[in-house]
Amino acid sequence: MAGRRYVHAYDAATGRSRGWHETVDQAVNVRQVRPELNNGSKTYYQFDRNGNYTGSW
């Protein structure tokens, strides 16, 4: 993996927002996503280099 970035989305219609971390590979393809949930639980979603979902933990 090459790096990580934080993404923040804001919905102007509802005033709600959410954020998540994305891990990217050398070609800047998203390989892993970790949403930040309000209840403190963390689930990681992993993808292969073609963007296919490979599993979560």
N, C-alpha and C. Protein backbone atom coordinates (compact mmCIF):
# COMPACT_ATOMS: atom_id res chain seq x y z
N MET A 1 0.84 -1.18 0.00
CA MET A 1 0.00 0.00 0.00
C MET A 1 0.89 1.24 0.00
N ALA A 2 0.40 2.26 -0.66
CA ALA A 2 1.19 3.48 -0.82
C ALA A 2 0.86 4.55 0.21
N GLY A 3 -0.39 4.59 0.65
CA GLY A 3 -0.75 5.64 1.59
C GLY A 3 -2.20 5.55 2.02
N ARG A 4 -2.60 6.55 2.79
CA ARG A 4 -3.95 6.60 3.34
C ARG A 4 -4.45 8.02 3.24
N ARG A 5 -5.75 8.16 3.04
CA ARG A 5 -6.35 9.50 3.01
C ARG A 5 -7.67 9.46 3.77
N TYR A 6 -8.03 10.59 4.34
CA TYR A 6 -9.29 10.73 5.04
C TYR A 6 -10.27 11.42 4.10
N VAL A 7 -11.48 10.88 3.99
CA VAL A 7 -12.52 11.44 3.13
C VAL A 7 -13.68 11.86 4.02
N HIS A 8 -14.20 13.05 3.77
CA HIS A 8 -15.32 13.57 4.55
C HIS A 8 -16.41 13.99 3.57
N ALA A 9 -17.62 13.46 3.76
CA ALA A 9 -18.76 13.79 2.89
C ALA A 9 -19.80 14.54 3.71
N TYR A 10 -20.35 15.59 3.13
CA TYR A 10 -21.37 16.40 3.78
C TYR A 10 -22.59 16.46 2.89
N ASP A 11 -23.76 16.18 3.45
CA ASP A 11 -25.02 16.24 2.71
C ASP A 11 -25.72 17.54 3.09
N ALA A 12 -25.70 18.50 2.18
CA ALA A 12 -26.29 19.81 2.45
C ALA A 12 -27.80 19.73 2.65
N ALA A 13 -28.45 18.78 2.03
CA ALA A 13 -29.90 18.65 2.14
C ALA A 13 -30.32 18.24 3.55
N THR A 14 -29.56 17.37 4.19
CA THR A 14 -29.93 16.88 5.52
C THR A 14 -29.07 17.47 6.64
N GLY A 15 -27.92 18.04 6.28
CA GLY A 15 -27.00 18.58 7.28
C GLY A 15 -26.15 17.52 7.95
N ARG A 16 -26.24 16.30 7.48
CA ARG A 16 -25.46 15.20 8.07
C ARG A 16 -24.14 15.03 7.34
N SER A 17 -23.17 14.51 8.06
CA SER A 17 -21.87 14.25 7.44
C SER A 17 -21.34 12.91 7.93
N ARG A 18 -20.38 12.39 7.19
CA ARG A 18 -19.73 11.15 7.58
C ARG A 18 -18.31 11.17 7.04
N GLY A 19 -17.46 10.38 7.64
CA GLY A 19 -16.07 10.33 7.22
C GLY A 19 -15.55 8.92 7.22
N TRP A 20 -14.51 8.69 6.44
CA TRP A 20 -13.90 7.36 6.39
C TRP A 20 -12.46 7.49 5.92
N HIS A 21 -11.69 6.47 6.22
CA HIS A 21 -10.29 6.40 5.78
C HIS A 21 -10.22 5.46 4.60
N GLU A 22 -9.43 5.82 3.60
CA GLU A 22 -9.18 4.96 2.45
C GLU A 22 -7.68 4.69 2.36
N THR A 23 -7.31 3.44 2.14
CA THR A 23 -5.93 3.06 1.89
C THR A 23 -5.80 2.85 0.39
N VAL A 24 -4.76 3.45 -0.20
CA VAL A 24 -4.58 3.36 -1.65
C VAL A 24 -3.27 2.65 -1.99
N ASP A 25 -3.23 2.04 -3.19
CA ASP A 25 -2.01 1.37 -3.64
C ASP A 25 -1.16 2.32 -4.48
N GLN A 26 -0.11 1.82 -5.09
CA GLN A 26 0.83 2.65 -5.86
C GLN A 26 0.14 3.37 -7.03
N ALA A 27 -0.90 2.75 -7.61
CA ALA A 27 -1.63 3.34 -8.73
C ALA A 27 -2.80 4.21 -8.27
N VAL A 28 -2.88 4.50 -6.98
CA VAL A 28 -3.91 5.31 -6.34
C VAL A 28 -5.30 4.67 -6.46
N ASN A 29 -5.35 3.35 -6.53
CA ASN A 29 -6.61 2.62 -6.47
C ASN A 29 -6.96 2.38 -5.00
N VAL A 30 -8.21 2.59 -4.65
CA VAL A 30 -8.64 2.36 -3.27
C VAL A 30 -8.61 0.86 -3.02
N ARG A 31 -7.89 0.46 -1.98
CA ARG A 31 -7.75 -0.96 -1.66
C ARG A 31 -8.41 -1.33 -0.35
N GLN A 32 -8.64 -0.35 0.54
CA GLN A 32 -9.27 -0.64 1.82
C GLN A 32 -10.02 0.59 2.28
N VAL A 33 -11.21 0.39 2.86
CA VAL A 33 -12.03 1.50 3.37
C VAL A 33 -12.41 1.17 4.81
N ARG A 34 -12.29 2.18 5.69
CA ARG A 34 -12.70 2.00 7.09
C ARG A 34 -13.60 3.15 7.49
N PRO A 35 -14.92 2.92 7.51
CA PRO A 35 -15.84 3.97 7.94
C PRO A 35 -15.69 4.25 9.43
N GLU A 36 -15.93 5.49 9.82
CA GLU A 36 -15.95 5.87 11.23
C GLU A 36 -17.41 5.93 11.66
N LEU A 37 -17.81 4.97 12.48
CA LEU A 37 -19.19 4.91 12.94
C LEU A 37 -19.33 5.59 14.29
N ASN A 38 -20.51 6.12 14.56
CA ASN A 38 -20.75 6.85 15.81
C ASN A 38 -20.67 5.96 17.04
N ASN A 39 -20.91 4.66 16.89
CA ASN A 39 -20.89 3.78 18.06
C ASN A 39 -19.49 3.28 18.40
N GLY A 40 -18.48 3.74 17.67
CA GLY A 40 -17.10 3.38 17.97
C GLY A 40 -16.62 2.09 17.32
N SER A 41 -17.51 1.35 16.65
CA SER A 41 -17.08 0.12 15.99
C SER A 41 -16.38 0.44 14.68
N LYS A 42 -15.42 -0.39 14.31
CA LYS A 42 -14.66 -0.19 13.08
C LYS A 42 -14.69 -1.46 12.26
N THR A 43 -15.07 -1.35 11.02
CA THR A 43 -15.06 -2.47 10.09
C THR A 43 -14.23 -2.06 8.89
N TYR A 44 -13.34 -2.93 8.48
CA TYR A 44 -12.48 -2.67 7.33
C TYR A 44 -13.03 -3.42 6.13
N TYR A 45 -13.17 -2.76 5.00
CA TYR A 45 -13.62 -3.38 3.76
C TYR A 45 -12.43 -3.38 2.80
N GLN A 46 -12.08 -4.56 2.27
CA GLN A 46 -10.90 -4.67 1.44
C GLN A 46 -11.27 -5.00 0.00
N PHE A 47 -10.47 -4.46 -0.96
CA PHE A 47 -10.71 -4.61 -2.38
C PHE A 47 -9.41 -5.03 -3.06
N ASP A 48 -9.52 -5.77 -4.18
CA ASP A 48 -8.32 -6.13 -4.93
C ASP A 48 -7.95 -4.98 -5.86
N ARG A 49 -6.87 -5.13 -6.61
CA ARG A 49 -6.40 -4.04 -7.46
C ARG A 49 -7.36 -3.67 -8.57
N ASN A 50 -8.35 -4.53 -8.85
CA ASN A 50 -9.36 -4.24 -9.88
C ASN A 50 -10.62 -3.62 -9.29
N GLY A 51 -10.63 -3.40 -7.99
CA GLY A 51 -11.77 -2.78 -7.34
C GLY A 51 -12.84 -3.76 -6.89
N ASN A 52 -12.54 -5.06 -6.97
CA ASN A 52 -13.50 -6.07 -6.52
C ASN A 52 -13.41 -6.28 -5.01
N TYR A 53 -14.56 -6.33 -4.36
CA TYR A 53 -14.62 -6.54 -2.92
C TYR A 53 -14.08 -7.93 -2.59
N THR A 54 -13.15 -8.01 -1.62
CA THR A 54 -12.56 -9.30 -1.26
C THR A 54 -12.91 -9.73 0.16
N GLY A 55 -13.48 -8.86 0.97
CA GLY A 55 -13.86 -9.25 2.31
C GLY A 55 -13.75 -8.12 3.31
N SER A 56 -14.15 -8.39 4.53
CA SER A 56 -14.09 -7.39 5.59
C SER A 56 -13.72 -8.06 6.89
N TRP A 57 -13.30 -7.27 7.83
CA TRP A 57 -13.00 -7.76 9.18
C TRP A 57 -13.21 -6.65 10.17
